[in-house]
Amino acid sequence: MDLAKDLDEEEERAVKEGLTEDELAIFDLLQKDNLNPDDTAKVRLVSKELLEKLKEKLVPGWRDFEPLRAGVKITISDVLFPRLPETVYTEQDCEYKGMEIYNFVYERYADSRMLVGAY
């Protein structure tokens, strides 16, 4: 019962934030304690944009080939570094958050068919 309740709460949170469940997961990975409302809005947009840009990179078998994995990593960096609020996110923050997101994407999208339900 607690698991069902937690899922309902996460689904409600996703709706409240205007994000899909996967966008919400990325949003959560990008969160920092000292975000003001404007920064939070920017992070929300980054979460949406990043998942949209990753869509084209997550082709069947993407995890099996280094150039495809590298393309996913580069896409993550190309979105995070220029888009996250510079006053809050250092270069090291972007690198760390980028690795966390890559790990999430690597696990979540092992099979590119998972993308069908994500959008």
Protein backbone atom coordinates (compact mmCIF):
# COMPACT_ATOMS: atom_id res chain seq x y z
CA MET A 1 0.00 0.00 0.00
CA ASP A 2 2.81 2.43 0.81
CA LEU A 3 4.36 1.87 -2.61
CA ALA A 4 1.06 2.67 -4.33
CA LYS A 5 0.71 5.77 -2.19
CA ASP A 6 4.27 6.87 -3.07
CA LEU A 7 3.56 6.36 -6.77
CA ASP A 8 0.39 8.40 -6.53
CA GLU A 9 2.30 11.18 -4.79
CA GLU A 10 5.01 11.15 -7.48
CA GLU A 11 2.41 11.20 -10.24
CA GLU A 12 0.70 14.15 -8.54
CA ARG A 13 4.05 15.91 -8.20
CA ALA A 14 4.78 15.37 -11.89
CA VAL A 15 1.43 16.90 -12.84
CA LYS A 16 1.95 19.80 -10.45
CA GLU A 17 5.39 20.51 -11.94
CA GLY A 18 4.08 20.12 -15.50
CA LEU A 19 6.53 17.30 -16.21
CA THR A 20 6.40 13.69 -17.29
CA GLU A 21 7.63 11.14 -14.75
CA ASP A 22 11.03 10.89 -16.48
CA GLU A 23 11.34 14.67 -16.72
CA LEU A 24 10.53 14.82 -13.02
CA ALA A 25 13.30 12.30 -12.30
CA ILE A 26 15.80 14.49 -14.17
CA PHE A 27 14.40 17.60 -12.46
CA ASP A 28 14.98 15.91 -9.09
CA LEU A 29 18.55 14.99 -10.05
CA LEU A 30 19.23 18.62 -10.98
CA GLN A 31 17.74 20.12 -7.82
CA LYS A 32 19.84 22.10 -5.37
CA ASP A 33 18.84 23.54 -2.00
CA ASN A 34 19.48 27.18 -2.83
CA LEU A 35 17.27 27.59 -5.91
CA ASN A 36 14.98 30.59 -6.10
CA PRO A 37 11.69 30.33 -8.03
CA ASP A 38 13.24 31.64 -11.26
CA ASP A 39 16.10 29.16 -11.04
CA THR A 40 13.64 26.35 -10.34
CA ALA A 41 11.68 27.32 -13.46
CA LYS A 42 14.90 27.22 -15.52
CA VAL A 43 15.77 23.78 -14.14
CA ARG A 44 12.27 22.58 -15.03
CA LEU A 45 12.78 23.76 -18.63
CA VAL A 46 16.24 22.16 -18.78
CA SER A 47 14.70 18.86 -17.66
CA LYS A 48 12.18 18.96 -20.50
CA GLU A 49 14.67 20.12 -23.13
CA LEU A 50 17.26 17.53 -22.14
CA LEU A 51 14.92 14.59 -22.40
CA GLU A 52 13.64 15.87 -25.74
CA LYS A 53 17.18 16.18 -27.14
CA LEU A 54 18.14 12.75 -25.83
CA LYS A 55 15.24 11.17 -27.71
CA GLU A 56 17.15 11.13 -30.99
CA LYS A 57 20.30 9.73 -29.35
CA LEU A 58 18.70 6.74 -27.64
CA VAL A 59 18.54 4.45 -30.65
CA PRO A 60 18.36 0.66 -30.41
CA GLY A 61 21.65 -0.68 -29.10
CA TRP A 62 22.94 2.74 -28.02
CA ARG A 63 24.50 1.24 -24.90
CA ASP A 64 26.56 -1.25 -26.94
CA PHE A 65 28.69 1.25 -28.85
CA GLU A 66 31.08 3.80 -27.37
CA PRO A 67 30.39 6.49 -30.01
CA LEU A 68 26.65 6.30 -29.24
CA ARG A 69 27.24 6.42 -25.48
CA ALA A 70 29.59 9.37 -26.00
CA GLY A 71 26.89 11.13 -28.02
CA VAL A 72 24.49 10.80 -25.09
CA LYS A 73 27.10 12.21 -22.69
CA ILE A 74 27.88 15.11 -25.02
CA THR A 75 24.19 15.93 -25.44
CA ILE A 76 23.77 16.04 -21.67
CA SER A 77 26.76 18.37 -21.29
CA ASP A 78 25.66 20.54 -24.21
CA VAL A 79 22.32 21.15 -22.51
CA LEU A 80 23.41 21.46 -18.87
CA PHE A 81 26.43 23.75 -19.13
CA PRO A 82 24.83 26.65 -21.00
CA ARG A 83 21.28 26.27 -19.64
CA LEU A 84 21.58 25.79 -15.88
CA PRO A 85 21.71 29.04 -13.87
CA GLU A 86 25.40 30.02 -13.65
CA THR A 87 24.93 31.75 -10.32
CA VAL A 88 23.94 28.45 -8.69
CA TYR A 89 25.59 25.68 -10.74
CA THR A 90 29.38 25.56 -10.94
CA GLU A 91 31.21 23.70 -13.69
CA GLN A 92 31.79 20.87 -11.20
CA ASP A 93 28.06 20.81 -10.37
CA CYS A 94 27.25 20.46 -14.07
CA GLU A 95 29.76 17.63 -14.45
CA TYR A 96 28.44 15.79 -11.39
CA LYS A 97 24.79 16.30 -12.29
CA GLY A 98 25.57 15.26 -15.86
CA MET A 99 27.04 11.96 -14.64
CA GLU A 100 23.99 11.34 -12.44
CA ILE A 101 21.67 11.98 -15.38
CA TYR A 102 23.74 9.78 -17.68
CA ASN A 103 23.52 6.95 -15.14
CA PHE A 104 19.76 7.43 -14.88
CA VAL A 105 19.37 7.41 -18.67
CA TYR A 106 21.67 4.40 -19.01
CA GLU A 107 19.56 2.39 -16.59
CA ARG A 108 16.14 3.70 -17.58
CA TYR A 109 16.57 3.46 -21.33
CA ALA A 110 18.44 0.18 -21.65
CA ASP A 111 15.87 -0.66 -24.28
CA SER A 112 15.02 2.21 -26.62
CA ARG A 113 11.41 0.98 -26.64
CA MET A 114 11.15 2.51 -23.14
CA LEU A 115 11.00 5.87 -24.90
CA VAL A 116 7.55 5.13 -26.24
CA GLY A 117 6.00 5.50 -22.79
CA ALA A 118 8.16 8.43 -21.76
CA TYR A 119 6.61 11.12 -23.95
